[in-house]
Structures are given as structure tokens and as C-alpha cells.
Amino acid sequence: MAEITADMVKLLREATSAGVLDCKKALTDSKGDFEAAVEVLRKKGLASAAKKATRDANEGIIGSYIHSGSKVATLVEVNCETDFVARTDQFQQLARDLAMHVTAARPQWVAREEVPEEIVAKEIEIYREQMATSGKPAPVVEKIIEGKLDKWYSEMCLLEQSFVKDQDVTIKDLLTTSIATLGENIRVRRFARLEIGG
């Protein structure tokens, strides 16, 4: 096994923003393999992010974005646990990115739980009518309707949309990564998108 040096720990800290002891333990557990250590820390960070997601988030900032030409703008309230984290460059960049994303992607709600039941019922009714003459068995039709509804949620709900700067990452994933990195619960409380003539 390779000897774990201070330089290795320092490099891992710079790459992951994890604490010194966590970096040293990850390098020890991965027998000095840098990539494996990064993976260990990422998994640990995402696991701890899940625990943090239940904590109160009553601080934060309003992120804003005004598109060139000043015809479209967005305000997004992004909450965290402390004013200290709210003032960090990373948190403020996250809020700006979220505002820019809302401007471009036009979500209607933050999460699927916020969508009014009557709107969901109307969507299901439309899908059911589309499938009425398909001749498929009822269980298959229900699965197709469920799939169409999930796709609709991914277009209408902010947390389920693919991030405009990285289509491989959803907004929920982006928030989870930020929670792991910043060490606090982070949530999007609400947003307002304004468009001239819209």
C-alpha cells in the first residue's frame, strides 16, 4: 500500500473540499488510490446530504437573472441554514444559476407535490383519451400513462428538470451536490419569472 503523504491529502482536499481527516481516511481506505478516494468522499458526501435535507433552512438569498435585452427576468428564493453559507460565493453562484435556469427552462412549479390535483387529473385524462383506441391491456396503458406523467413532471417541475448548464444533472441532483459540498440543507422555496408581454 502506498504511504499516505500530506501532499496527497492536500490534493484530495482541493479536489473535493472535504475535511483533512475525511481525506486521510478515504486515502487509507482506498490504499492510496486517488480516484477511489474521491469516489469514497463523494458517496459519503451524498449520504450525509440526504440526512441534512431534513433540517430547517430559514436563511438564504434571492437569486436573480435578467436575460440580455431585459425582456425576461427571474427571481429565485434559495434557502440554507445559516447566513454564513448564504454569503459564500458558491451559494450565490448556485442562486444565480437557478435563476438563469428558470429563465431558460420555464418551470411552472418547484416540485411535483405543488402541482394542483385538478391539473394532474386533467393530464391523466388527456393521456387516457390518447390511449383509448390503442388496444393495449389496461395494466400496460396505466404504465404508459405513468411514464407520460413522469415526463410531464420533468418538464413542468423545477427540481425534476435537467440543468441547462449540464443536461446530465437534474436540479435536484445539483442541490444534493451543493448540500454535500456546503454542509447545510439547501432548498428552493419559490421563484417568479417575468416576461414582457408574457
N, C-alpha and C. Protein backbone atom coordinates (compact mmCIF):
# COMPACT_ATOMS: atom_id res chain seq x y z
N MET A 1 0.84 -1.20 0.00
CA MET A 1 0.00 0.00 0.00
C MET A 1 0.88 1.25 0.00
N ALA A 2 0.50 2.25 -0.82
CA ALA A 2 1.27 3.49 -0.89
C ALA A 2 1.15 4.26 0.42
N GLU A 3 2.24 4.91 0.80
CA GLU A 3 2.21 5.72 2.02
C GLU A 3 1.35 6.96 1.76
N ILE A 4 0.50 7.29 2.72
CA ILE A 4 -0.37 8.46 2.57
C ILE A 4 0.41 9.69 3.03
N THR A 5 0.73 10.57 2.07
CA THR A 5 1.53 11.77 2.39
C THR A 5 0.62 12.98 2.59
N ALA A 6 1.17 14.00 3.19
CA ALA A 6 0.43 15.26 3.40
C ALA A 6 0.04 15.88 2.07
N ASP A 7 0.92 15.73 1.06
CA ASP A 7 0.61 16.28 -0.28
C ASP A 7 -0.60 15.58 -0.90
N MET A 8 -0.69 14.26 -0.70
CA MET A 8 -1.84 13.52 -1.23
C MET A 8 -3.13 13.99 -0.57
N VAL A 9 -3.07 14.19 0.75
CA VAL A 9 -4.25 14.68 1.48
C VAL A 9 -4.63 16.07 1.00
N LYS A 10 -3.62 16.91 0.78
CA LYS A 10 -3.87 18.29 0.32
C LYS A 10 -4.53 18.29 -1.06
N LEU A 11 -4.02 17.45 -1.96
CA LEU A 11 -4.60 17.37 -3.31
C LEU A 11 -6.05 16.90 -3.27
N LEU A 12 -6.30 15.91 -2.41
CA LEU A 12 -7.67 15.38 -2.29
C LEU A 12 -8.60 16.44 -1.70
N ARG A 13 -8.11 17.19 -0.75
CA ARG A 13 -8.91 18.28 -0.15
C ARG A 13 -9.27 19.30 -1.21
N GLU A 14 -8.30 19.68 -2.03
CA GLU A 14 -8.54 20.69 -3.08
C GLU A 14 -9.55 20.18 -4.10
N ALA A 15 -9.49 18.88 -4.37
CA ALA A 15 -10.40 18.29 -5.37
C ALA A 15 -11.82 18.11 -4.86
N THR A 16 -11.96 17.91 -3.55
CA THR A 16 -13.29 17.54 -3.02
C THR A 16 -13.87 18.49 -1.98
N SER A 17 -13.05 19.39 -1.44
CA SER A 17 -13.47 20.31 -0.35
C SER A 17 -13.83 19.56 0.93
N ALA A 18 -13.39 18.31 1.06
CA ALA A 18 -13.66 17.53 2.27
C ALA A 18 -12.63 17.88 3.35
N GLY A 19 -12.93 17.52 4.59
CA GLY A 19 -12.03 17.81 5.71
C GLY A 19 -10.77 16.96 5.66
N VAL A 20 -9.73 17.40 6.38
CA VAL A 20 -8.43 16.72 6.39
C VAL A 20 -8.57 15.26 6.84
N LEU A 21 -9.25 15.04 7.97
CA LEU A 21 -9.39 13.68 8.49
C LEU A 21 -10.17 12.78 7.54
N ASP A 22 -11.23 13.34 6.93
CA ASP A 22 -12.01 12.56 5.97
C ASP A 22 -11.16 12.18 4.77
N CYS A 23 -10.33 13.12 4.29
CA CYS A 23 -9.46 12.85 3.14
C CYS A 23 -8.44 11.77 3.48
N LYS A 24 -7.84 11.88 4.66
CA LYS A 24 -6.84 10.90 5.07
C LYS A 24 -7.47 9.51 5.18
N LYS A 25 -8.66 9.44 5.78
CA LYS A 25 -9.35 8.15 5.94
C LYS A 25 -9.72 7.57 4.57
N ALA A 26 -10.20 8.42 3.66
CA ALA A 26 -10.58 7.95 2.32
C ALA A 26 -9.36 7.41 1.57
N LEU A 27 -8.22 8.09 1.70
CA LEU A 27 -6.99 7.62 1.04
C LEU A 27 -6.52 6.30 1.66
N THR A 28 -6.64 6.20 2.97
CA THR A 28 -6.24 4.96 3.66
C THR A 28 -7.16 3.81 3.21
N ASP A 29 -8.47 4.06 3.22
CA ASP A 29 -9.44 3.03 2.84
C ASP A 29 -9.24 2.58 1.39
N SER A 30 -8.81 3.51 0.52
CA SER A 30 -8.64 3.18 -0.90
C SER A 30 -7.20 2.81 -1.23
N LYS A 31 -6.38 2.59 -0.17
CA LYS A 31 -4.98 2.16 -0.32
C LYS A 31 -4.17 3.12 -1.20
N GLY A 32 -4.44 4.42 -1.04
CA GLY A 32 -3.67 5.44 -1.75
C GLY A 32 -4.15 5.73 -3.17
N ASP A 33 -5.21 5.07 -3.62
CA ASP A 33 -5.75 5.30 -4.97
C ASP A 33 -6.58 6.58 -4.95
N PHE A 34 -6.08 7.61 -5.65
CA PHE A 34 -6.70 8.94 -5.60
C PHE A 34 -8.15 8.91 -6.10
N GLU A 35 -8.37 8.30 -7.27
CA GLU A 35 -9.72 8.27 -7.86
C GLU A 35 -10.71 7.53 -6.96
N ALA A 36 -10.25 6.42 -6.39
CA ALA A 36 -11.12 5.65 -5.49
C ALA A 36 -11.45 6.48 -4.24
N ALA A 37 -10.47 7.25 -3.76
CA ALA A 37 -10.68 8.11 -2.58
C ALA A 37 -11.71 9.19 -2.88
N VAL A 38 -11.63 9.77 -4.07
CA VAL A 38 -12.62 10.78 -4.49
C VAL A 38 -14.02 10.17 -4.48
N GLU A 39 -14.12 8.95 -5.01
CA GLU A 39 -15.41 8.26 -5.06
C GLU A 39 -15.96 7.99 -3.65
N VAL A 40 -15.07 7.57 -2.74
CA VAL A 40 -15.46 7.32 -1.34
C VAL A 40 -16.03 8.59 -0.73
N LEU A 41 -15.34 9.72 -0.95
CA LEU A 41 -15.79 11.00 -0.37
C LEU A 41 -17.09 11.47 -1.00
N ARG A 42 -17.24 11.26 -2.30
CA ARG A 42 -18.48 11.66 -2.97
C ARG A 42 -19.66 10.89 -2.41
N LYS A 43 -19.48 9.57 -2.26
CA LYS A 43 -20.57 8.74 -1.72
C LYS A 43 -20.91 9.16 -0.30
N LYS A 44 -19.88 9.42 0.49
CA LYS A 44 -20.10 9.84 1.87
C LYS A 44 -20.82 11.20 1.91
N GLY A 45 -20.39 12.11 1.04
CA GLY A 45 -21.00 13.44 0.98
C GLY A 45 -22.46 13.39 0.58
N LEU A 46 -22.79 12.55 -0.40
CA LEU A 46 -24.17 12.45 -0.85
C LEU A 46 -25.04 11.77 0.21
N ALA A 47 -24.45 10.83 0.94
CA ALA A 47 -25.20 10.17 2.02
C ALA A 47 -25.49 11.17 3.13
N SER A 48 -24.48 11.99 3.48
CA SER A 48 -24.71 12.98 4.53
C SER A 48 -25.63 14.09 4.04
N ALA A 49 -25.64 14.34 2.72
CA ALA A 49 -26.55 15.34 2.15
C ALA A 49 -28.00 14.92 2.35
N ALA A 50 -28.26 13.62 2.22
CA ALA A 50 -29.63 13.12 2.42
C ALA A 50 -30.10 13.37 3.84
N LYS A 51 -29.19 13.20 4.82
CA LYS A 51 -29.55 13.46 6.22
C LYS A 51 -29.81 14.95 6.44
N LYS A 52 -28.99 15.79 5.81
CA LYS A 52 -29.11 17.25 6.00
C LYS A 52 -30.39 17.81 5.38
N ALA A 53 -30.93 17.11 4.39
CA ALA A 53 -32.10 17.60 3.67
C ALA A 53 -33.34 17.74 4.54
N THR A 54 -33.33 17.16 5.74
CA THR A 54 -34.50 17.26 6.61
C THR A 54 -34.39 18.45 7.57
N ARG A 55 -33.23 19.11 7.62
CA ARG A 55 -33.04 20.20 8.58
C ARG A 55 -33.68 21.50 8.08
N ASP A 56 -34.02 22.38 9.02
CA ASP A 56 -34.63 23.67 8.67
C ASP A 56 -33.67 24.52 7.86
N ALA A 57 -34.22 25.22 6.87
CA ALA A 57 -33.43 26.14 6.06
C ALA A 57 -34.20 27.46 6.02
N ASN A 58 -33.86 28.37 6.93
CA ASN A 58 -34.60 29.63 7.05
C ASN A 58 -33.79 30.87 6.68
N GLU A 59 -32.52 30.67 6.31
CA GLU A 59 -31.69 31.77 5.82
C GLU A 59 -31.64 31.66 4.29
N GLY A 60 -30.83 32.49 3.65
CA GLY A 60 -30.69 32.37 2.21
C GLY A 60 -30.65 33.69 1.51
N ILE A 61 -30.81 33.65 0.19
CA ILE A 61 -30.79 34.86 -0.63
C ILE A 61 -31.83 34.73 -1.75
N ILE A 62 -32.05 35.87 -2.41
CA ILE A 62 -32.86 35.90 -3.61
C ILE A 62 -31.88 35.97 -4.78
N GLY A 63 -31.84 34.93 -5.59
CA GLY A 63 -31.00 34.95 -6.78
C GLY A 63 -31.77 35.61 -7.91
N SER A 64 -31.04 36.31 -8.79
CA SER A 64 -31.72 36.98 -9.89
C SER A 64 -30.96 36.79 -11.20
N TYR A 65 -31.72 36.87 -12.28
CA TYR A 65 -31.12 36.79 -13.61
C TYR A 65 -31.97 37.61 -14.55
N ILE A 66 -31.33 38.50 -15.31
CA ILE A 66 -32.02 39.28 -16.33
C ILE A 66 -31.38 38.93 -17.66
N HIS A 67 -32.18 38.40 -18.58
CA HIS A 67 -31.66 37.97 -19.87
C HIS A 67 -31.29 39.20 -20.71
N SER A 68 -30.30 39.02 -21.60
CA SER A 68 -29.87 40.15 -22.45
C SER A 68 -31.06 40.71 -23.21
N GLY A 69 -31.14 42.01 -23.25
CA GLY A 69 -32.29 42.68 -23.86
C GLY A 69 -33.34 43.06 -22.84
N SER A 70 -33.18 42.60 -21.62
CA SER A 70 -34.06 42.93 -20.50
C SER A 70 -35.54 42.67 -20.78
N LYS A 71 -35.82 41.60 -21.51
CA LYS A 71 -37.21 41.24 -21.80
C LYS A 71 -37.72 40.12 -20.90
N VAL A 72 -36.77 39.37 -20.29
CA VAL A 72 -37.12 38.24 -19.42
C VAL A 72 -36.23 38.29 -18.18
N ALA A 73 -36.83 38.08 -17.01
CA ALA A 73 -36.06 38.08 -15.77
C ALA A 73 -36.67 37.08 -14.78
N THR A 74 -35.83 36.61 -13.86
CA THR A 74 -36.30 35.66 -12.85
C THR A 74 -35.72 36.00 -11.49
N LEU A 75 -36.54 35.83 -10.45
CA LEU A 75 -36.09 35.89 -9.06
C LEU A 75 -36.35 34.51 -8.44
N VAL A 76 -35.35 34.00 -7.71
CA VAL A 76 -35.49 32.69 -7.06
C VAL A 76 -35.07 32.82 -5.61
N GLU A 77 -35.95 32.38 -4.69
CA GLU A 77 -35.58 32.35 -3.27
C GLU A 77 -34.95 30.99 -2.98
N VAL A 78 -33.66 31.04 -2.59
CA VAL A 78 -32.91 29.82 -2.27
C VAL A 78 -32.54 29.90 -0.80
N ASN A 79 -32.95 28.90 -0.03
CA ASN A 79 -32.73 28.90 1.41
C ASN A 79 -31.63 27.94 1.83
N CYS A 80 -30.96 28.31 2.93
CA CYS A 80 -29.96 27.45 3.57
C CYS A 80 -30.14 27.62 5.08
N GLU A 81 -29.24 27.02 5.87
CA GLU A 81 -29.41 27.05 7.32
C GLU A 81 -28.81 28.27 8.00
N THR A 82 -27.72 28.82 7.44
CA THR A 82 -27.04 29.94 8.10
C THR A 82 -26.74 31.06 7.13
N ASP A 83 -26.65 32.26 7.67
CA ASP A 83 -26.29 33.43 6.89
C ASP A 83 -24.86 33.30 6.37
N PHE A 84 -24.02 32.60 7.14
CA PHE A 84 -22.62 32.40 6.74
C PHE A 84 -22.55 31.71 5.37
N VAL A 85 -23.30 30.61 5.20
CA VAL A 85 -23.30 29.88 3.93
C VAL A 85 -23.96 30.73 2.84
N ALA A 86 -25.02 31.45 3.19
CA ALA A 86 -25.71 32.29 2.21
C ALA A 86 -24.78 33.32 1.58
N ARG A 87 -23.76 33.74 2.33
CA ARG A 87 -22.83 34.77 1.82
C ARG A 87 -21.68 34.18 1.01
N THR A 88 -21.54 32.85 0.97
CA THR A 88 -20.42 32.26 0.23
C THR A 88 -20.62 32.43 -1.27
N ASP A 89 -19.50 32.52 -1.98
CA ASP A 89 -19.55 32.66 -3.45
C ASP A 89 -20.26 31.47 -4.09
N GLN A 90 -20.02 30.27 -3.56
CA GLN A 90 -20.62 29.07 -4.15
C GLN A 90 -22.15 29.10 -4.04
N PHE A 91 -22.67 29.51 -2.88
CA PHE A 91 -24.12 29.56 -2.69
C PHE A 91 -24.72 30.64 -3.59
N GLN A 92 -24.04 31.79 -3.68
CA GLN A 92 -24.56 32.87 -4.51
C GLN A 92 -24.54 32.49 -5.99
N GLN A 93 -23.50 31.76 -6.41
CA GLN A 93 -23.44 31.28 -7.79
C GLN A 93 -24.57 30.28 -8.06
N LEU A 94 -24.85 29.42 -7.08
CA LEU A 94 -25.95 28.47 -7.20
C LEU A 94 -27.27 29.21 -7.41
N ALA A 95 -27.51 30.25 -6.62
CA ALA A 95 -28.75 31.03 -6.74
C ALA A 95 -28.85 31.70 -8.12
N ARG A 96 -27.71 32.22 -8.61
CA ARG A 96 -27.71 32.83 -9.95
C ARG A 96 -27.99 31.78 -11.03
N ASP A 97 -27.34 30.62 -10.88
CA ASP A 97 -27.55 29.55 -11.86
C ASP A 97 -29.01 29.08 -11.88
N LEU A 98 -29.62 28.99 -10.70
CA LEU A 98 -31.02 28.58 -10.62
C LEU A 98 -31.93 29.60 -11.28
N ALA A 99 -31.64 30.89 -11.07
CA ALA A 99 -32.45 31.95 -11.69
C ALA A 99 -32.30 31.90 -13.21
N MET A 100 -31.07 31.69 -13.68
CA MET A 100 -30.84 31.59 -15.13
C MET A 100 -31.58 30.37 -15.69
N HIS A 101 -31.52 29.27 -14.96
CA HIS A 101 -32.20 28.05 -15.40
C HIS A 101 -33.72 28.28 -15.52
N VAL A 102 -34.32 28.90 -14.52
CA VAL A 102 -35.76 29.16 -14.55
C VAL A 102 -36.11 30.04 -15.75
N THR A 103 -35.26 31.04 -16.04
CA THR A 103 -35.48 31.91 -17.19
C THR A 103 -35.53 31.10 -18.47
N ALA A 104 -34.58 30.17 -18.62
CA ALA A 104 -34.48 29.39 -19.86
C ALA A 104 -35.49 28.25 -19.93
N ALA A 105 -35.70 27.52 -18.82
CA ALA A 105 -36.48 26.28 -18.86
C ALA A 105 -37.97 26.46 -18.53
N ARG A 106 -38.36 27.59 -17.99
CA ARG A 106 -39.77 27.93 -17.73
C ARG A 106 -40.55 26.90 -16.91
N PRO A 107 -40.03 26.46 -15.78
CA PRO A 107 -40.84 25.54 -14.95
C PRO A 107 -42.07 26.27 -14.42
N GLN A 108 -43.10 25.52 -14.09
CA GLN A 108 -44.33 26.11 -13.54
C GLN A 108 -44.39 25.99 -12.02
N TRP A 109 -43.78 24.92 -11.48
CA TRP A 109 -43.79 24.67 -10.04
C TRP A 109 -42.40 24.24 -9.60
N VAL A 110 -42.12 24.34 -8.30
CA VAL A 110 -40.82 23.89 -7.77
C VAL A 110 -40.77 22.37 -7.76
N ALA A 111 -41.80 21.72 -7.21
CA ALA A 111 -41.81 20.26 -7.07
C ALA A 111 -43.17 19.70 -7.46
N ARG A 112 -43.20 18.40 -7.77
CA ARG A 112 -44.47 17.78 -8.20
C ARG A 112 -45.53 17.84 -7.12
N GLU A 113 -45.11 17.89 -5.84
CA GLU A 113 -46.08 17.97 -4.75
C GLU A 113 -46.88 19.27 -4.76
N GLU A 114 -46.37 20.29 -5.45
CA GLU A 114 -47.05 21.60 -5.52
C GLU A 114 -48.07 21.68 -6.64
N VAL A 115 -48.05 20.72 -7.56
CA VAL A 115 -48.96 20.79 -8.70
C VAL A 115 -50.38 20.51 -8.22
N PRO A 116 -51.34 21.41 -8.49
CA PRO A 116 -52.72 21.19 -8.05
C PRO A 116 -53.29 19.87 -8.59
N GLU A 117 -54.04 19.17 -7.75
CA GLU A 117 -54.58 17.86 -8.10
C GLU A 117 -55.43 17.90 -9.37
N GLU A 118 -56.19 19.00 -9.55
CA GLU A 118 -57.07 19.06 -10.72
C GLU A 118 -56.26 19.14 -12.02
N ILE A 119 -55.07 19.75 -11.98
CA ILE A 119 -54.22 19.84 -13.18
C ILE A 119 -53.64 18.47 -13.50
N VAL A 120 -53.21 17.74 -12.47
CA VAL A 120 -52.69 16.37 -12.66
C VAL A 120 -53.80 15.48 -13.22
N ALA A 121 -55.01 15.60 -12.65
CA ALA A 121 -56.15 14.80 -13.11
C ALA A 121 -56.45 15.08 -14.58
N LYS A 122 -56.34 16.34 -15.00
CA LYS A 122 -56.61 16.73 -16.40
C LYS A 122 -55.57 16.09 -17.33
N GLU A 123 -54.28 16.12 -16.91
CA GLU A 123 -53.22 15.49 -17.70
C GLU A 123 -53.49 14.00 -17.87
N ILE A 124 -53.84 13.34 -16.77
CA ILE A 124 -54.12 11.89 -16.81
C ILE A 124 -55.29 11.60 -17.74
N GLU A 125 -56.30 12.46 -17.68
CA GLU A 125 -57.48 12.30 -18.55
C GLU A 125 -57.08 12.40 -20.03
N ILE A 126 -56.21 13.36 -20.34
CA ILE A 126 -55.73 13.54 -21.73
C ILE A 126 -54.98 12.29 -22.18
N TYR A 127 -54.07 11.78 -21.33
CA TYR A 127 -53.29 10.58 -21.69
C TYR A 127 -54.20 9.37 -21.86
N ARG A 128 -55.22 9.27 -21.00
CA ARG A 128 -56.15 8.14 -21.07
C ARG A 128 -56.92 8.17 -22.40
N GLU A 129 -57.33 9.39 -22.83
CA GLU A 129 -58.03 9.54 -24.11
C GLU A 129 -57.11 9.17 -25.27
N GLN A 130 -55.83 9.57 -25.16
CA GLN A 130 -54.86 9.24 -26.22
C GLN A 130 -54.69 7.73 -26.36
N MET A 131 -54.80 7.00 -25.25
CA MET A 131 -54.57 5.56 -25.24
C MET A 131 -55.85 4.74 -25.45
N ALA A 132 -57.02 5.42 -25.53
CA ALA A 132 -58.31 4.73 -25.57
C ALA A 132 -58.43 3.74 -26.72
N THR A 133 -57.88 4.09 -27.87
CA THR A 133 -58.01 3.21 -29.04
C THR A 133 -56.74 2.42 -29.33
N SER A 134 -55.85 2.36 -28.38
CA SER A 134 -54.55 1.68 -28.60
C SER A 134 -54.69 0.16 -28.65
N GLY A 135 -55.71 -0.37 -27.99
CA GLY A 135 -55.90 -1.81 -27.95
C GLY A 135 -54.96 -2.51 -26.98
N LYS A 136 -54.22 -1.76 -26.23
CA LYS A 136 -53.29 -2.35 -25.25
C LYS A 136 -54.04 -2.75 -23.98
N PRO A 137 -53.55 -3.78 -23.26
CA PRO A 137 -54.19 -4.18 -22.00
C PRO A 137 -54.15 -3.05 -20.97
N ALA A 138 -55.14 -3.02 -20.08
CA ALA A 138 -55.25 -1.95 -19.08
C ALA A 138 -53.98 -1.74 -18.26
N PRO A 139 -53.30 -2.80 -17.76
CA PRO A 139 -52.08 -2.58 -16.97
C PRO A 139 -50.98 -1.88 -17.78
N VAL A 140 -50.89 -2.21 -19.08
CA VAL A 140 -49.89 -1.58 -19.96
C VAL A 140 -50.24 -0.10 -20.15
N VAL A 141 -51.53 0.16 -20.37
CA VAL A 141 -51.99 1.55 -20.53
C VAL A 141 -51.64 2.37 -19.29
N GLU A 142 -51.87 1.79 -18.10
CA GLU A 142 -51.57 2.50 -16.86
C GLU A 142 -50.08 2.82 -16.75
N LYS A 143 -49.22 1.86 -17.16
CA LYS A 143 -47.77 2.08 -17.12
C LYS A 143 -47.38 3.20 -18.08
N ILE A 144 -47.97 3.21 -19.26
CA ILE A 144 -47.68 4.25 -20.26
C ILE A 144 -48.11 5.61 -19.73
N ILE A 145 -49.30 5.68 -19.13
CA ILE A 145 -49.81 6.93 -18.56
C ILE A 145 -48.85 7.42 -17.46
N GLU A 146 -48.39 6.49 -16.62
CA GLU A 146 -47.45 6.84 -15.55
C GLU A 146 -46.15 7.42 -16.13
N GLY A 147 -45.67 6.80 -17.21
CA GLY A 147 -44.45 7.27 -17.88
C GLY A 147 -44.64 8.66 -18.48
N LYS A 148 -45.80 8.88 -19.12
CA LYS A 148 -46.09 10.19 -19.72
C LYS A 148 -46.19 11.27 -18.64
N LEU A 149 -46.80 10.89 -17.50
CA LEU A 149 -46.94 11.84 -16.39
C LEU A 149 -45.57 12.21 -15.81
N ASP A 150 -44.69 11.21 -15.66
CA ASP A 150 -43.33 11.49 -15.17
C ASP A 150 -42.60 12.44 -16.12
N LYS A 151 -42.76 12.21 -17.43
CA LYS A 151 -42.11 13.08 -18.42
C LYS A 151 -42.66 14.51 -18.30
N TRP A 152 -43.97 14.62 -18.12
CA TRP A 152 -44.61 15.93 -17.97
C TRP A 152 -44.07 16.65 -16.72
N TYR A 153 -43.96 15.91 -15.60
CA TYR A 153 -43.38 16.49 -14.38
C TYR A 153 -41.96 16.99 -14.64
N SER A 154 -41.19 16.23 -15.41
CA SER A 154 -39.79 16.61 -15.67
C SER A 154 -39.70 17.87 -16.54
N GLU A 155 -40.78 18.22 -17.20
CA GLU A 155 -40.81 19.47 -17.99
C GLU A 155 -41.36 20.63 -17.17
N MET A 156 -42.30 20.34 -16.26
CA MET A 156 -43.02 21.39 -15.54
C MET A 156 -42.47 21.72 -14.15
N CYS A 157 -41.75 20.80 -13.52
CA CYS A 157 -41.31 20.99 -12.13
C CYS A 157 -39.80 21.23 -12.08
N LEU A 158 -39.41 22.33 -11.48
CA LEU A 158 -38.02 22.76 -11.43
C LEU A 158 -37.08 21.65 -10.97
N LEU A 159 -37.40 21.00 -9.85
CA LEU A 159 -36.48 20.01 -9.28
C LEU A 159 -36.23 18.82 -10.20
N GLU A 160 -37.16 18.56 -11.11
CA GLU A 160 -37.04 17.39 -11.98
C GLU A 160 -36.48 17.72 -13.36
N GLN A 161 -36.29 19.02 -13.64
CA GLN A 161 -35.76 19.42 -14.94
C GLN A 161 -34.26 19.15 -15.02
N SER A 162 -33.77 18.91 -16.25
CA SER A 162 -32.33 18.81 -16.47
C SER A 162 -31.75 20.22 -16.43
N PHE A 163 -30.64 20.37 -15.72
CA PHE A 163 -29.99 21.67 -15.55
C PHE A 163 -29.51 22.19 -16.91
N VAL A 164 -29.83 23.44 -17.24
CA VAL A 164 -29.48 23.98 -18.56
C VAL A 164 -27.97 23.99 -18.82
N LYS A 165 -27.16 24.08 -17.77
CA LYS A 165 -25.70 24.09 -17.96
C LYS A 165 -25.11 22.68 -18.06
N ASP A 166 -25.87 21.66 -17.66
CA ASP A 166 -25.40 20.27 -17.70
C ASP A 166 -26.61 19.36 -17.76
N GLN A 167 -26.97 18.93 -18.96
CA GLN A 167 -28.20 18.15 -19.18
C GLN A 167 -28.19 16.78 -18.48
N ASP A 168 -27.01 16.32 -18.04
CA ASP A 168 -26.92 15.03 -17.35
C ASP A 168 -27.31 15.12 -15.87
N VAL A 169 -27.53 16.35 -15.40
CA VAL A 169 -27.80 16.59 -13.97
C VAL A 169 -29.16 17.25 -13.82
N THR A 170 -30.00 16.73 -12.92
CA THR A 170 -31.27 17.41 -12.64
C THR A 170 -31.02 18.52 -11.61
N ILE A 171 -31.97 19.41 -11.46
CA ILE A 171 -31.85 20.47 -10.45
C ILE A 171 -31.79 19.85 -9.06
N LYS A 172 -32.54 18.78 -8.84
CA LYS A 172 -32.49 18.09 -7.54
C LYS A 172 -31.08 17.57 -7.27
N ASP A 173 -30.44 16.98 -8.30
CA ASP A 173 -29.05 16.49 -8.16
C ASP A 173 -28.10 17.65 -7.86
N LEU A 174 -28.32 18.77 -8.53
CA LEU A 174 -27.48 19.96 -8.33
C LEU A 174 -27.57 20.42 -6.87
N LEU A 175 -28.79 20.44 -6.34
CA LEU A 175 -28.99 20.84 -4.94
C LEU A 175 -28.34 19.83 -3.98
N THR A 176 -28.47 18.54 -4.27
CA THR A 176 -27.88 17.50 -3.42
C THR A 176 -26.36 17.64 -3.37
N THR A 177 -25.75 17.89 -4.53
CA THR A 177 -24.30 18.10 -4.58
C THR A 177 -23.91 19.33 -3.78
N SER A 178 -24.70 20.40 -3.88
CA SER A 178 -24.41 21.63 -3.14
C SER A 178 -24.56 21.42 -1.64
N ILE A 179 -25.55 20.62 -1.24
CA ILE A 179 -25.73 20.29 0.19
C ILE A 179 -24.49 19.54 0.70
N ALA A 180 -24.02 18.58 -0.10
CA ALA A 180 -22.85 17.80 0.30
C ALA A 180 -21.61 18.68 0.41
N THR A 181 -21.46 19.62 -0.51
CA THR A 181 -20.28 20.48 -0.54
C THR A 181 -20.32 21.55 0.55
N LEU A 182 -21.47 22.20 0.70
CA LEU A 182 -21.58 23.32 1.64
C LEU A 182 -21.92 22.88 3.06
N GLY A 183 -22.40 21.65 3.22
CA GLY A 183 -22.65 21.11 4.55
C GLY A 183 -23.91 21.59 5.23
N GLU A 184 -24.84 22.15 4.44
CA GLU A 184 -26.12 22.60 5.01
C GLU A 184 -27.26 22.18 4.10
N ASN A 185 -28.46 22.10 4.66
CA ASN A 185 -29.63 21.87 3.85
C ASN A 185 -29.86 23.08 2.96
N ILE A 186 -30.20 22.84 1.71
CA ILE A 186 -30.48 23.92 0.75
C ILE A 186 -31.78 23.56 0.04
N ARG A 187 -32.66 24.53 -0.10
CA ARG A 187 -33.89 24.27 -0.84
C ARG A 187 -34.34 25.51 -1.61
N VAL A 188 -35.03 25.28 -2.69
CA VAL A 188 -35.64 26.37 -3.45
C VAL A 188 -37.05 26.53 -2.91
N ARG A 189 -37.33 27.69 -2.35
CA ARG A 189 -38.66 27.91 -1.78
C ARG A 189 -39.67 28.33 -2.84
N ARG A 190 -39.27 29.27 -3.70
CA ARG A 190 -40.20 29.77 -4.73
C ARG A 190 -39.43 30.54 -5.78
N PHE A 191 -40.11 30.81 -6.89
CA PHE A 191 -39.49 31.62 -7.95
C PHE A 191 -40.57 32.43 -8.66
N ALA A 192 -40.13 33.48 -9.34
CA ALA A 192 -41.03 34.30 -10.15
C ALA A 192 -40.31 34.63 -11.46
N ARG A 193 -40.95 34.26 -12.56
CA ARG A 193 -40.37 34.52 -13.89
C ARG A 193 -41.24 35.57 -14.59
N LEU A 194 -40.60 36.65 -15.00
CA LEU A 194 -41.32 37.75 -15.64
C LEU A 194 -40.87 37.89 -17.08
N GLU A 195 -41.85 38.05 -17.98
CA GLU A 195 -41.51 38.23 -19.40
C GLU A 195 -42.38 39.32 -19.99
N ILE A 196 -41.77 40.22 -20.73
CA ILE A 196 -42.53 41.31 -21.33
C ILE A 196 -43.60 40.71 -22.25
N GLY A 197 -44.85 41.13 -22.02
CA GLY A 197 -45.96 40.64 -22.84
C GLY A 197 -46.36 39.19 -22.54
N GLY A 198 -45.73 38.59 -21.49
CA GLY A 198 -45.98 37.17 -21.20
C GLY A 198 -47.11 36.94 -20.25
